[in-house]
């Protein structure tokens, strides 16, 4: 059992191909039985590693979600505390103050001036955005009805390995 899973799968394929030409079917059956046992053993080993990696991945995702929650909470606490300090400074009429470790200064925000819309906007100030994309449902319906489309066709479904 020192063969790799890939080597065993190649060997099994070769034995299956021998079924077409080899006359000693018992020899082929015995060979396949031995290979299938080794193959199953190796496959089971890979599945155990897969299970461990999957568990580690799920654990890491849970930890990442927890850290994201903590980060968001801390960020919200910073914002609330900053708003509170600003409110207190404005309430006291203080625009700037310096302590041993920090300098606090209320400053105007940069960037574009805030725009406030008060009522109905005339048509020449309206922006229209058009986004075109294929109507997949309509294309599928046409293909299902037997229409030959030059721009679309059904592809083959892929495969995946399901491990229970």
Protein backbone atom coordinates (compact mmCIF):
# COMPACT_ATOMS: atom_id res chain seq x y z
CA UNK A 1 0.00 0.00 0.00
CA UNK A 2 2.80 2.41 -0.87
CA UNK A 3 1.18 3.51 -4.12
CA UNK A 4 -0.36 6.96 -4.43
CA UNK A 5 -4.06 7.36 -5.04
CA UNK A 6 -3.29 8.73 -8.52
CA UNK A 7 -1.12 5.69 -9.37
CA UNK A 8 -3.81 3.32 -8.10
CA UNK A 9 -6.47 5.09 -10.20
CA UNK A 10 -4.25 4.76 -13.30
CA UNK A 11 -3.69 1.07 -12.56
CA UNK A 12 -7.43 0.50 -12.13
CA UNK A 13 -8.14 2.24 -15.42
CA UNK A 14 -5.57 0.02 -17.16
CA UNK A 15 -7.15 -3.12 -15.69
CA UNK A 16 -10.63 -1.98 -16.79
CA UNK A 17 -9.23 -1.51 -20.30
CA UNK A 18 -7.79 -5.05 -20.16
CA UNK A 19 -11.34 -6.38 -19.80
CA UNK A 20 -11.81 -5.72 -23.52
CA UNK A 21 -8.86 -7.88 -24.65
CA UNK A 22 -7.77 -10.20 -21.80
CA UNK A 23 -9.28 -13.68 -21.77
CA UNK A 24 -8.47 -14.62 -18.16
CA UNK A 25 -11.36 -12.81 -16.52
CA UNK A 26 -10.63 -14.31 -13.09
CA UNK A 27 -7.12 -12.82 -13.09
CA UNK A 28 -8.58 -9.43 -13.96
CA UNK A 29 -11.27 -9.76 -11.26
CA UNK A 30 -8.66 -10.67 -8.63
CA UNK A 31 -6.41 -7.79 -9.70
CA UNK A 32 -9.30 -5.34 -9.60
CA UNK A 33 -10.38 -6.56 -6.17
CA UNK A 34 -6.89 -5.97 -4.77
CA UNK A 35 -6.60 -2.56 -6.41
CA UNK A 36 -10.06 -1.50 -5.26
CA UNK A 37 -9.16 -2.38 -1.66
CA UNK A 38 -5.98 -0.29 -1.81
CA UNK A 39 -7.83 2.48 -3.65
CA UNK A 40 -10.64 2.56 -1.05
CA UNK A 41 -8.09 2.63 1.77
CA UNK A 42 -6.23 5.59 0.21
CA UNK A 43 -9.49 7.37 -0.62
CA UNK A 44 -10.65 6.96 2.97
CA UNK A 45 -7.36 8.46 4.19
CA UNK A 46 -7.82 11.46 1.90
CA UNK A 47 -11.39 11.87 3.15
CA UNK A 48 -10.17 11.92 6.77
CA UNK A 49 -7.72 14.70 5.93
CA UNK A 50 -10.52 16.48 4.06
CA UNK A 51 -12.77 16.24 7.14
CA UNK A 52 -10.03 17.72 9.34
CA UNK A 53 -9.39 20.59 6.93
CA UNK A 54 -13.14 21.24 6.64
CA UNK A 55 -13.48 21.38 10.44
CA UNK A 56 -10.51 23.76 10.68
CA UNK A 57 -12.00 25.93 7.92
CA UNK A 58 -15.38 26.12 9.67
CA UNK A 59 -13.65 26.94 12.96
CA UNK A 60 -11.58 29.66 11.30
CA UNK A 61 -14.72 31.10 9.67
CA UNK A 62 -16.48 31.20 13.06
CA UNK A 63 -13.47 32.90 14.62
CA UNK A 64 -13.28 35.39 11.73
CA UNK A 65 -16.98 36.18 12.14
CA UNK A 66 -16.49 36.65 15.88
CA UNK A 67 -13.51 38.97 15.31
CA UNK A 68 -15.50 40.90 12.70
CA UNK A 69 -18.31 41.33 15.23
CA UNK A 70 -15.84 42.49 17.88
CA UNK A 71 -14.21 44.88 15.40
CA UNK A 72 -17.58 46.35 14.40
CA UNK A 73 -18.56 46.80 18.05
CA UNK A 74 -15.26 48.53 18.84
CA UNK A 75 -15.63 50.74 15.77
CA UNK A 76 -19.15 51.74 16.86
CA UNK A 77 -17.84 52.48 20.37
CA UNK A 78 -15.14 54.74 18.88
CA UNK A 79 -17.72 56.62 16.81
CA UNK A 80 -20.07 57.09 19.78
CA UNK A 81 -17.23 58.26 22.04
CA UNK A 82 -15.95 60.66 19.38
CA UNK A 83 -19.48 62.06 18.89
CA UNK A 84 -19.87 62.40 22.67
CA UNK A 85 -16.57 64.30 23.08
CA UNK A 86 -17.45 66.60 20.14
CA UNK A 87 -20.92 67.25 21.57
CA UNK A 88 -19.44 68.11 24.98
CA UNK A 89 -16.85 70.47 23.46
CA UNK A 90 -19.56 72.19 21.37
CA UNK A 91 -21.80 72.42 24.45
CA UNK A 92 -18.97 74.08 26.39
CA UNK A 93 -18.17 76.40 23.48
CA UNK A 94 -14.66 74.98 23.12
CA UNK A 95 -13.30 74.65 19.56
CA UNK A 96 -9.79 73.51 20.48
CA UNK A 97 -8.07 72.14 23.57
CA UNK A 98 -4.72 70.48 24.22
CA UNK A 99 -3.88 68.00 26.97
CA UNK A 100 -0.63 66.27 27.87
CA UNK A 101 -1.31 63.44 25.40
CA UNK A 102 -3.84 64.73 22.84
CA UNK A 103 -4.96 67.76 20.92
CA UNK A 104 -8.70 68.11 20.27
CA UNK A 105 -9.96 70.42 17.55
CA UNK A 106 -13.40 70.72 15.97
CA UNK A 107 -12.87 71.16 12.24
CA UNK A 108 -15.11 71.38 9.19
CA UNK A 109 -15.52 68.26 7.06
CA UNK A 110 -13.79 68.25 3.70
CA UNK A 111 -14.99 67.06 0.33
CA UNK A 112 -18.04 68.25 -1.61
CA UNK A 113 -20.64 70.30 0.15
CA UNK A 114 -23.64 68.23 1.22
CA UNK A 115 -26.45 68.45 -1.34
CA UNK A 116 -30.01 68.62 -0.08
CA UNK A 117 -32.90 68.08 -2.50
CA UNK A 118 -35.97 70.06 -1.43
CA UNK A 119 -38.56 69.10 -4.00
CA UNK A 120 -39.29 67.88 -7.52
CA UNK A 121 -36.17 67.87 -9.67
CA UNK A 122 -36.58 69.10 -13.28
CA UNK A 123 -36.04 66.52 -16.05
CA UNK A 124 -32.77 68.12 -17.23
CA UNK A 125 -31.29 67.38 -13.75
CA UNK A 126 -32.30 63.70 -13.81
CA UNK A 127 -29.72 61.07 -14.65
CA UNK A 128 -30.99 57.91 -16.31
CA UNK A 129 -28.90 54.78 -16.04
CA UNK A 130 -29.55 51.87 -18.37
CA UNK A 131 -27.96 48.51 -17.71
CA UNK A 132 -28.30 45.79 -20.30
CA UNK A 133 -27.74 42.14 -19.59
CA UNK A 134 -28.81 38.88 -21.24
CA UNK A 135 -32.28 37.66 -20.26
CA UNK A 136 -31.16 34.19 -19.17
CA UNK A 137 -34.70 32.98 -18.50
CA UNK A 138 -35.84 33.96 -21.99
CA UNK A 139 -32.75 32.35 -23.56
CA UNK A 140 -33.34 29.11 -21.62
CA UNK A 141 -36.99 29.11 -22.65
CA UNK A 142 -36.02 29.47 -26.34
CA UNK A 143 -33.46 26.64 -26.07
CA UNK A 144 -35.98 24.45 -24.23
CA UNK A 145 -38.44 25.05 -27.07
CA UNK A 146 -35.90 23.76 -29.58
CA UNK A 147 -34.85 27.10 -31.07
CA UNK A 148 -31.34 27.11 -32.52
CA UNK A 149 -29.62 30.22 -31.17
CA UNK A 150 -26.34 31.32 -32.72
CA UNK A 151 -25.27 33.17 -29.59
CA UNK A 152 -26.11 30.65 -26.85
CA UNK A 153 -26.27 26.93 -26.15
CA UNK A 154 -26.39 24.65 -23.14
CA UNK A 155 -23.06 23.49 -21.79
CA UNK A 156 -22.27 20.34 -19.87
CA UNK A 157 -22.85 20.24 -16.14
CA UNK A 158 -19.66 19.89 -14.17
CA UNK A 159 -19.10 17.31 -11.48
CA UNK A 160 -18.13 17.52 -7.86
CA UNK A 161 -17.16 15.06 -5.18
CA UNK A 162 -19.70 14.64 -2.42
CA UNK A 163 -18.29 13.33 0.85
CA UNK A 164 -20.77 12.17 3.49
